[in-house]
PDB file of all heavy atoms in Angstrom:
ATOM      1  N   ALA A   1     -26.020  23.694  45.966  1.00  0.00           N
ATOM      2  CA  ALA A   1     -25.353  22.787  45.122  1.00  0.00           C
ATOM      3  C   ALA A   1     -24.039  22.361  45.869  1.00  0.00           C
ATOM      4  O   ALA A   1     -23.681  22.814  46.920  1.00  0.00           O
ATOM      5  CB  ALA A   1     -24.908  23.586  43.824  1.00  0.00           C
ATOM      6  N   THR A   2     -23.335  21.398  45.212  1.00  0.00           N
ATOM      7  CA  THR A   2     -21.979  21.077  45.591  1.00  0.00           C
ATOM      8  C   THR A   2     -21.038  21.963  44.823  1.00  0.00           C
ATOM      9  O   THR A   2     -21.113  22.082  43.577  1.00  0.00           O
ATOM     10  CB  THR A   2     -21.680  19.628  45.309  1.00  0.00           C
ATOM     11  OG1 THR A   2     -22.508  18.843  46.112  1.00  0.00           O
ATOM     12  CG2 THR A   2     -20.236  19.299  45.682  1.00  0.00           C
ATOM     13  N   TYR A   3     -20.149  22.675  45.519  1.00  0.00           N
ATOM     14  CA  TYR A   3     -19.247  23.608  44.932  1.00  0.00           C
ATOM     15  C   TYR A   3     -17.865  22.986  44.763  1.00  0.00           C
ATOM     16  O   TYR A   3     -17.315  22.493  45.746  1.00  0.00           O
ATOM     17  CB  TYR A   3     -19.143  24.882  45.722  1.00  0.00           C
ATOM     18  CG  TYR A   3     -20.368  25.693  45.521  1.00  0.00           C
ATOM     19  CD1 TYR A   3     -21.611  25.404  46.018  1.00  0.00           C
ATOM     20  CD2 TYR A   3     -20.266  26.947  44.855  1.00  0.00           C
ATOM     21  CE1 TYR A   3     -22.755  26.156  45.857  1.00  0.00           C
ATOM     22  CE2 TYR A   3     -21.394  27.717  44.553  1.00  0.00           C
ATOM     23  CZ  TYR A   3     -22.619  27.333  45.102  1.00  0.00           C
ATOM     24  OH  TYR A   3     -23.746  28.123  44.826  1.00  0.00           O
ATOM     25  N   TYR A   4     -17.265  23.067  43.602  1.00  0.00           N
ATOM     26  CA  TYR A   4     -15.974  22.522  43.311  1.00  0.00           C
ATOM     27  C   TYR A   4     -14.960  23.523  42.951  1.00  0.00           C
ATOM     28  O   TYR A   4     -15.247  24.439  42.136  1.00  0.00           O
ATOM     29  CB  TYR A   4     -16.134  21.501  42.094  1.00  0.00           C
ATOM     30  CG  TYR A   4     -17.013  20.345  42.325  1.00  0.00           C
ATOM     31  CD1 TYR A   4     -18.380  20.456  42.037  1.00  0.00           C
ATOM     32  CD2 TYR A   4     -16.470  19.146  42.936  1.00  0.00           C
ATOM     33  CE1 TYR A   4     -19.216  19.322  42.242  1.00  0.00           C
ATOM     34  CE2 TYR A   4     -17.387  18.052  43.110  1.00  0.00           C
ATOM     35  CZ  TYR A   4     -18.638  18.206  42.780  1.00  0.00           C
ATOM     36  OH  TYR A   4     -19.523  17.092  42.957  1.00  0.00           O
ATOM     37  N   CYS A   5     -13.831  23.400  43.455  1.00  0.00           N
ATOM     38  CA  CYS A   5     -12.640  24.140  43.100  1.00  0.00           C
ATOM     39  C   CYS A   5     -11.987  23.405  41.901  1.00  0.00           C
ATOM     40  O   CYS A   5     -11.955  22.203  41.898  1.00  0.00           O
ATOM     41  CB  CYS A   5     -11.581  24.266  44.264  1.00  0.00           C
ATOM     42  SG  CYS A   5     -10.017  25.079  43.931  1.00  0.00           S
ATOM     43  N   ALA A   6     -11.527  24.156  40.904  1.00  0.00           N
ATOM     44  CA  ALA A   6     -10.879  23.571  39.733  1.00  0.00           C
ATOM     45  C   ALA A   6      -9.747  24.426  39.229  1.00  0.00           C
ATOM     46  O   ALA A   6      -9.714  25.631  39.533  1.00  0.00           O
ATOM     47  CB  ALA A   6     -11.933  23.487  38.543  1.00  0.00           C
ATOM     48  N   ALA A   7      -8.841  23.795  38.473  1.00  0.00           N
ATOM     49  CA  ALA A   7      -7.640  24.511  37.999  1.00  0.00           C
ATOM     50  C   ALA A   7      -7.249  23.977  36.596  1.00  0.00           C
ATOM     51  O   ALA A   7      -7.447  22.760  36.276  1.00  0.00           O
ATOM     52  CB  ALA A   7      -6.482  24.328  38.925  1.00  0.00           C
ATOM     53  N   ARG A   8      -6.703  24.842  35.781  1.00  0.00           N
ATOM     54  CA  ARG A   8      -6.152  24.546  34.508  1.00  0.00           C
ATOM     55  C   ARG A   8      -4.629  24.419  34.619  1.00  0.00           C
ATOM     56  O   ARG A   8      -4.019  24.975  35.528  1.00  0.00           O
ATOM     57  CB  ARG A   8      -6.455  25.519  33.417  1.00  0.00           C
ATOM     58  CG  ARG A   8      -7.816  25.643  32.989  1.00  0.00           C
ATOM     59  CD  ARG A   8      -7.955  26.497  31.741  1.00  0.00           C
ATOM     60  NE  ARG A   8      -7.724  25.738  30.580  1.00  0.00           N
ATOM     61  CZ  ARG A   8      -7.275  26.213  29.358  1.00  0.00           C
ATOM     62  NH1 ARG A   8      -7.020  27.459  29.277  1.00  0.00           N
ATOM     63  NH2 ARG A   8      -7.074  25.396  28.321  1.00  0.00           N
ATOM     64  N   ARG A   9      -4.012  23.691  33.706  1.00  0.00           N
ATOM     65  CA  ARG A   9      -2.535  23.647  33.623  1.00  0.00           C
ATOM     66  C   ARG A   9      -1.965  24.913  32.997  1.00  0.00           C
ATOM     67  O   ARG A   9      -0.772  25.017  32.884  1.00  0.00           O
ATOM     68  CB  ARG A   9      -2.102  22.468  32.845  1.00  0.00           C
ATOM     69  CG  ARG A   9      -2.435  21.076  33.464  1.00  0.00           C
ATOM     70  CD  ARG A   9      -1.995  19.927  32.579  1.00  0.00           C
ATOM     71  NE  ARG A   9      -2.738  19.853  31.374  1.00  0.00           N
ATOM     72  CZ  ARG A   9      -2.495  19.187  30.324  1.00  0.00           C
ATOM     73  NH1 ARG A   9      -1.392  18.349  30.358  1.00  0.00           N
ATOM     74  NH2 ARG A   9      -3.231  19.150  29.227  1.00  0.00           N
ATOM     75  N   PHE A  10      -2.844  25.784  32.476  1.00  0.00           N
ATOM     76  CA  PHE A  10      -2.414  26.968  31.793  1.00  0.00           C
ATOM     77  C   PHE A  10      -2.770  28.238  32.545  1.00  0.00           C
ATOM     78  O   PHE A  10      -3.626  28.239  33.348  1.00  0.00           O
ATOM     79  CB  PHE A  10      -3.058  26.945  30.391  1.00  0.00           C
ATOM     80  CG  PHE A  10      -2.896  25.657  29.616  1.00  0.00           C
ATOM     81  CD1 PHE A  10      -3.916  24.709  29.598  1.00  0.00           C
ATOM     82  CD2 PHE A  10      -1.663  25.370  29.051  1.00  0.00           C
ATOM     83  CE1 PHE A  10      -3.754  23.506  28.932  1.00  0.00           C
ATOM     84  CE2 PHE A  10      -1.479  24.133  28.366  1.00  0.00           C
ATOM     85  CZ  PHE A  10      -2.564  23.232  28.410  1.00  0.00           C
ATOM     86  N   PRO A  11      -2.108  29.343  32.201  1.00  0.00           N
ATOM     87  CA  PRO A  11      -2.346  30.551  33.008  1.00  0.00           C
ATOM     88  C   PRO A  11      -3.628  31.246  32.742  1.00  0.00           C
ATOM     89  O   PRO A  11      -4.089  31.990  33.718  1.00  0.00           O
ATOM     90  CB  PRO A  11      -1.207  31.444  32.588  1.00  0.00           C
ATOM     91  CG  PRO A  11      -0.805  30.933  31.225  1.00  0.00           C
ATOM     92  CD  PRO A  11      -1.026  29.493  31.215  1.00  0.00           C
ATOM     93  N   TYR A  12      -4.199  31.071  31.601  1.00  0.00           N
ATOM     94  CA  TYR A  12      -5.483  31.833  31.308  1.00  0.00           C
ATOM     95  C   TYR A  12      -6.595  30.834  31.091  1.00  0.00           C
ATOM     96  O   TYR A  12      -6.486  29.707  30.753  1.00  0.00           O
ATOM     97  CB  TYR A  12      -5.255  32.708  30.049  1.00  0.00           C
ATOM     98  CG  TYR A  12      -4.124  33.691  30.305  1.00  0.00           C
ATOM     99  CD1 TYR A  12      -2.878  33.603  29.754  1.00  0.00           C
ATOM    100  CD2 TYR A  12      -4.366  34.806  31.153  1.00  0.00           C
ATOM    101  CE1 TYR A  12      -1.831  34.433  30.050  1.00  0.00           C
ATOM    102  CE2 TYR A  12      -3.321  35.716  31.408  1.00  0.00           C
ATOM    103  CZ  TYR A  12      -2.102  35.501  30.847  1.00  0.00           C
ATOM    104  OH  TYR A  12      -1.016  36.347  31.143  1.00  0.00           O
ATOM    105  N   CYS A  13      -7.850  31.457  31.344  1.00  0.00           N
ATOM    106  CA  CYS A  13      -9.050  30.569  31.528  1.00  0.00           C
ATOM    107  C   CYS A  13      -9.805  30.344  30.218  1.00  0.00           C
ATOM    108  O   CYS A  13      -9.889  31.237  29.323  1.00  0.00           O
ATOM    109  CB  CYS A  13      -9.905  31.149  32.486  1.00  0.00           C
ATOM    110  SG  CYS A  13      -9.245  31.359  34.169  1.00  0.00           S
ATOM    111  N   ARG A  14     -10.474  29.207  30.168  1.00  0.00           N
ATOM    112  CA  ARG A  14     -11.604  28.922  29.330  1.00  0.00           C
ATOM    113  C   ARG A  14     -12.670  28.598  30.287  1.00  0.00           C
ATOM    114  O   ARG A  14     -12.473  28.399  31.501  1.00  0.00           O
ATOM    115  CB  ARG A  14     -11.381  27.741  28.345  1.00  0.00           C
ATOM    116  CG  ARG A  14     -10.435  28.046  27.315  1.00  0.00           C
ATOM    117  CD  ARG A  14     -10.158  26.832  26.356  1.00  0.00           C
ATOM    118  NE  ARG A  14     -11.365  26.474  25.794  1.00  0.00           N
ATOM    119  CZ  ARG A  14     -11.408  25.321  25.004  1.00  0.00           C
ATOM    120  NH1 ARG A  14     -10.351  24.575  24.747  1.00  0.00           N
ATOM    121  NH2 ARG A  14     -12.597  24.996  24.439  1.00  0.00           N
ATOM    122  N   TYR A  15     -14.019  28.721  29.855  1.00  0.00           N
ATOM    123  CA  TYR A  15     -15.055  28.687  30.833  1.00  0.00           C
ATOM    124  C   TYR A  15     -15.948  27.511  30.819  1.00  0.00           C
ATOM    125  O   TYR A  15     -16.956  27.489  31.453  1.00  0.00           O
ATOM    126  CB  TYR A  15     -15.894  29.967  30.607  1.00  0.00           C
ATOM    127  CG  TYR A  15     -15.111  31.180  30.577  1.00  0.00           C
ATOM    128  CD1 TYR A  15     -15.228  32.194  29.540  1.00  0.00           C
ATOM    129  CD2 TYR A  15     -14.250  31.497  31.568  1.00  0.00           C
ATOM    130  CE1 TYR A  15     -14.500  33.334  29.514  1.00  0.00           C
ATOM    131  CE2 TYR A  15     -13.515  32.640  31.621  1.00  0.00           C
ATOM    132  CZ  TYR A  15     -13.616  33.551  30.587  1.00  0.00           C
ATOM    133  OH  TYR A  15     -12.876  34.679  30.679  1.00  0.00           O
ATOM    134  N   ASP A  16     -15.470  26.428  30.278  1.00  0.00           N
ATOM    135  CA  ASP A  16     -16.167  25.162  30.240  1.00  0.00           C
ATOM    136  C   ASP A  16     -15.471  24.088  31.165  1.00  0.00           C
ATOM    137  O   ASP A  16     -14.276  24.182  31.356  1.00  0.00           O
ATOM    138  CB  ASP A  16     -16.227  24.560  28.865  1.00  0.00           C
ATOM    139  CG  ASP A  16     -14.886  24.398  28.196  1.00  0.00           C
ATOM    140  OD1 ASP A  16     -14.119  25.337  28.233  1.00  0.00           O
ATOM    141  OD2 ASP A  16     -14.653  23.352  27.616  1.00  0.00           O
ATOM    142  N   ALA A  17     -16.251  23.228  31.742  1.00  0.00           N
ATOM    143  CA  ALA A  17     -15.731  22.219  32.664  1.00  0.00           C
ATOM    144  C   ALA A  17     -14.672  21.384  31.966  1.00  0.00           C
ATOM    145  O   ALA A  17     -13.676  20.958  32.669  1.00  0.00           O
ATOM    146  CB  ALA A  17     -16.896  21.404  33.198  1.00  0.00           C
ATOM    147  N   ALA A  18     -14.818  21.090  30.701  1.00  0.00           N
ATOM    148  CA  ALA A  18     -13.859  20.168  30.030  1.00  0.00           C
ATOM    149  C   ALA A  18     -12.506  20.802  29.915  1.00  0.00           C
ATOM    150  O   ALA A  18     -11.521  20.050  29.706  1.00  0.00           O
ATOM    151  CB  ALA A  18     -14.424  19.846  28.660  1.00  0.00           C
ATOM    152  N   SER A  19     -12.346  22.003  30.011  1.00  0.00           N
ATOM    153  CA  SER A  19     -11.029  22.708  29.956  1.00  0.00           C
ATOM    154  C   SER A  19     -10.228  22.664  31.265  1.00  0.00           C
ATOM    155  O   SER A  19      -9.035  22.940  31.190  1.00  0.00           O
ATOM    156  CB  SER A  19     -11.198  24.208  29.537  1.00  0.00           C
ATOM    157  OG  SER A  19     -11.749  24.960  30.640  1.00  0.00           O
ATOM    158  N   MET A  20     -10.871  22.256  32.340  1.00  0.00           N
ATOM    159  CA  MET A  20     -10.175  22.114  33.626  1.00  0.00           C
ATOM    160  C   MET A  20      -9.453  20.798  33.811  1.00  0.00           C
ATOM    161  O   MET A  20     -10.010  19.792  33.341  1.00  0.00           O
ATOM    162  CB  MET A  20     -11.123  22.413  34.762  1.00  0.00           C
ATOM    163  CG  MET A  20     -12.056  23.646  34.536  1.00  0.00           C
ATOM    164  SD  MET A  20     -11.231  25.202  34.170  1.00  0.00           S
ATOM    165  CE  MET A  20     -10.390  25.489  35.709  1.00  0.00           C
ATOM    166  N   ASP A  21      -8.303  20.871  34.344  1.00  0.00           N
ATOM    167  CA  ASP A  21      -7.433  19.736  34.490  1.00  0.00           C
ATOM    168  C   ASP A  21      -7.514  19.060  35.778  1.00  0.00           C
ATOM    169  O   ASP A  21      -7.197  17.862  35.996  1.00  0.00           O
ATOM    170  CB  ASP A  21      -6.013  20.015  34.098  1.00  0.00           C
ATOM    171  CG  ASP A  21      -5.876  20.463  32.652  1.00  0.00           C
ATOM    172  OD1 ASP A  21      -6.138  19.679  31.763  1.00  0.00           O
ATOM    173  OD2 ASP A  21      -5.486  21.683  32.456  1.00  0.00           O
ATOM    174  N   TYR A  22      -7.771  19.830  36.839  1.00  0.00           N
ATOM    175  CA  TYR A  22      -7.746  19.291  38.254  1.00  0.00           C
ATOM    176  C   TYR A  22      -8.977  19.803  38.991  1.00  0.00           C
ATOM    177  O   TYR A  22      -9.526  20.883  38.795  1.00  0.00           O
ATOM    178  CB  TYR A  22      -6.507  19.799  39.001  1.00  0.00           C
ATOM    179  CG  TYR A  22      -5.271  19.490  38.285  1.00  0.00           C
ATOM    180  CD1 TYR A  22      -4.558  20.498  37.531  1.00  0.00           C
ATOM    181  CD2 TYR A  22      -4.719  18.283  38.313  1.00  0.00           C
ATOM    182  CE1 TYR A  22      -3.432  20.265  36.809  1.00  0.00           C
ATOM    183  CE2 TYR A  22      -3.534  17.971  37.569  1.00  0.00           C
ATOM    184  CZ  TYR A  22      -2.890  18.856  36.858  1.00  0.00           C
ATOM    185  OH  TYR A  22      -1.738  18.673  36.209  1.00  0.00           O
ATOM    186  N   TRP A  23      -9.519  18.836  39.855  1.00  0.00           N
ATOM    187  CA  TRP A  23     -10.755  19.182  40.598  1.00  0.00           C
ATOM    188  C   TRP A  23     -10.577  18.775  42.048  1.00  0.00           C
ATOM    189  O   TRP A  23      -9.904  17.781  42.413  1.00  0.00           O
ATOM    190  CB  TRP A  23     -11.850  18.333  40.025  1.00  0.00           C
ATOM    191  CG  TRP A  23     -12.247  18.725  38.600  1.00  0.00           C
ATOM    192  CD1 TRP A  23     -11.715  18.188  37.439  1.00  0.00           C
ATOM    193  CD2 TRP A  23     -13.245  19.698  38.250  1.00  0.00           C
ATOM    194  NE1 TRP A  23     -12.274  18.840  36.382  1.00  0.00           N
ATOM    195  CE2 TRP A  23     -13.282  19.666  36.832  1.00  0.00           C
ATOM    196  CE3 TRP A  23     -14.092  20.542  38.982  1.00  0.00           C
ATOM    197  CZ2 TRP A  23     -14.117  20.566  36.112  1.00  0.00           C
ATOM    198  CZ3 TRP A  23     -14.972  21.360  38.224  1.00  0.00           C
ATOM    199  CH2 TRP A  23     -14.950  21.344  36.841  1.00  0.00           C
ATOM    200  N   GLY A  24     -11.162  19.603  42.945  1.00  0.00           N
ATOM    201  CA  GLY A  24     -11.347  19.179  44.320  1.00  0.00           C
ATOM    202  C   GLY A  24     -12.493  18.263  44.477  1.00  0.00           C
ATOM    203  O   GLY A  24     -13.263  17.915  43.541  1.00  0.00           O
ATOM    204  N   LYS A  25     -12.725  17.778  45.640  1.00  0.00           N
ATOM    205  CA  LYS A  25     -13.793  16.763  45.923  1.00  0.00           C
ATOM    206  C   LYS A  25     -15.109  17.490  46.110  1.00  0.00           C
ATOM    207  O   LYS A  25     -16.128  16.763  46.080  1.00  0.00           O
ATOM    208  CB  LYS A  25     -13.398  15.909  47.139  1.00  0.00           C
ATOM    209  CG  LYS A  25     -12.222  15.011  46.885  1.00  0.00           C
ATOM    210  CD  LYS A  25     -11.844  14.272  48.197  1.00  0.00           C
ATOM    211  CE  LYS A  25     -11.096  15.126  49.103  1.00  0.00           C
ATOM    212  NZ  LYS A  25     -10.565  14.500  50.254  1.00  0.00           N
ATOM    213  N   GLY A  26     -15.124  18.738  46.391  1.00  0.00           N
ATOM    214  CA  GLY A  26     -16.391  19.466  46.500  1.00  0.00           C
ATOM    215  C   GLY A  26     -16.740  19.718  47.997  1.00  0.00           C
ATOM    216  O   GLY A  26     -16.398  18.966  48.792  1.00  0.00           O
ATOM    217  N   THR A  27     -17.563  20.813  48.136  1.00  0.00           N
ATOM    218  CA  THR A  27     -18.130  21.107  49.406  1.00  0.00           C
ATOM    219  C   THR A  27     -19.608  21.523  49.262  1.00  0.00           C
ATOM    220  O   THR A  27     -19.888  22.232  48.373  1.00  0.00           O
ATOM    221  CB  THR A  27     -17.322  22.230  50.143  1.00  0.00           C
ATOM    222  OG1 THR A  27     -17.821  22.420  51.436  1.00  0.00           O
ATOM    223  CG2 THR A  27     -17.322  23.540  49.351  1.00  0.00           C
ATOM    224  N   LEU A  28     -20.449  21.006  50.120  1.00  0.00           N
ATOM    225  CA  LEU A  28     -21.855  21.239  49.922  1.00  0.00           C
ATOM    226  C   LEU A  28     -22.302  22.506  50.553  1.00  0.00           C
ATOM    227  O   LEU A  28     -22.094  22.893  51.667  1.00  0.00           O
ATOM    228  CB  LEU A  28     -22.695  19.989  50.547  1.00  0.00           C
ATOM    229  CG  LEU A  28     -24.113  20.100  50.440  1.00  0.00           C
ATOM    230  CD1 LEU A  28     -24.641  20.034  48.985  1.00  0.00           C
ATOM    231  CD2 LEU A  28     -24.784  18.941  51.234  1.00  0.00           C
ATOM    232  N   VAL A  29     -23.106  23.280  49.727  1.00  0.00           N
ATOM    233  CA  VAL A  29     -23.779  24.476  50.196  1.00  0.00           C
ATOM    234  C   VAL A  29     -25.236  24.294  50.136  1.00  0.00           C
ATOM    235  O   VAL A  29     -25.803  24.062  49.000  1.00  0.00           O
ATOM    236  CB  VAL A  29     -23.286  25.686  49.282  1.00  0.00           C
ATOM    237  CG1 VAL A  29     -24.119  26.999  49.691  1.00  0.00           C
ATOM    238  CG2 VAL A  29     -21.780  26.009  49.583  1.00  0.00           C
ATOM    239  N   THR A  30     -26.012  24.582  51.174  1.00  0.00           N
ATOM    240  CA  THR A  30     -27.421  24.506  51.181  1.00  0.00           C
ATOM    241  C   THR A  30     -28.036  25.734  51.732  1.00  0.00           C
ATOM    242  O   THR A  30     -27.681  26.176  52.764  1.00  0.00           O
ATOM    243  CB  THR A  30     -27.844  23.271  52.110  1.00  0.00           C
ATOM    244  OG1 THR A  30     -27.265  22.040  51.655  1.00  0.00           O
ATOM    245  CG2 THR A  30     -29.372  23.046  52.118  1.00  0.00           C
ATOM    246  N   ILE A  31     -28.921  26.297  50.848  1.00  0.00           N
ATOM    247  CA  ILE A  31     -29.593  27.577  51.210  1.00  0.00           C
ATOM    248  C   ILE A  31     -31.006  27.317  51.440  1.00  0.00           C
ATOM    249  O   ILE A  31     -31.766  26.807  50.562  1.00  0.00           O
ATOM    250  CB  ILE A  31     -29.429  28.614  50.117  1.00  0.00           C
ATOM    251  CG1 ILE A  31     -27.967  28.699  49.701  1.00  0.00           C
ATOM    252  CG2 ILE A  31     -29.860  29.968  50.618  1.00  0.00           C
ATOM    253  CD1 ILE A  31     -26.942  29.055  50.825  1.00  0.00           C
ATOM    254  N   SER A  32     -31.536  27.640  52.572  1.00  0.00           N
ATOM    255  CA  SER A  32     -32.915  27.443  52.923  1.00  0.00           C
ATOM    256  C   SER A  32     -33.707  28.690  52.845  1.00  0.00           C
ATOM    257  O   SER A  32     -33.122  29.767  53.071  1.00  0.00           O
ATOM    258  CB  SER A  32     -33.068  26.805  54.289  1.00  0.00           C
ATOM    259  OG  SER A  32     -32.566  27.709  55.290  1.00  0.00           O
ATOM    260  N   SER A  33     -35.041  28.539  52.632  1.00  0.00           N
ATOM    261  CA  SER A  33     -35.900  29.659  52.500  1.00  0.00           C
ATOM    262  C   SER A  33     -36.850  29.838  53.587  1.00  0.00           C
ATOM    263  O   SER A  33     -37.515  30.740  53.792  1.00  0.00           O
ATOM    264  CB  SER A  33     -36.653  29.734  51.161  1.00  0.00           C
ATOM    265  OG  SER A  33     -37.380  28.533  50.980  1.00  0.00           O
TER     266      SER A  33
END
């Protein structure tokens, strides 16, 4: 998947994407079998 760093403006977390205020651009991780 593409992995994204995210942050809220608040000290404690909620666990949904909509609660996050800031996002990185993402970094791709590929796992082969």
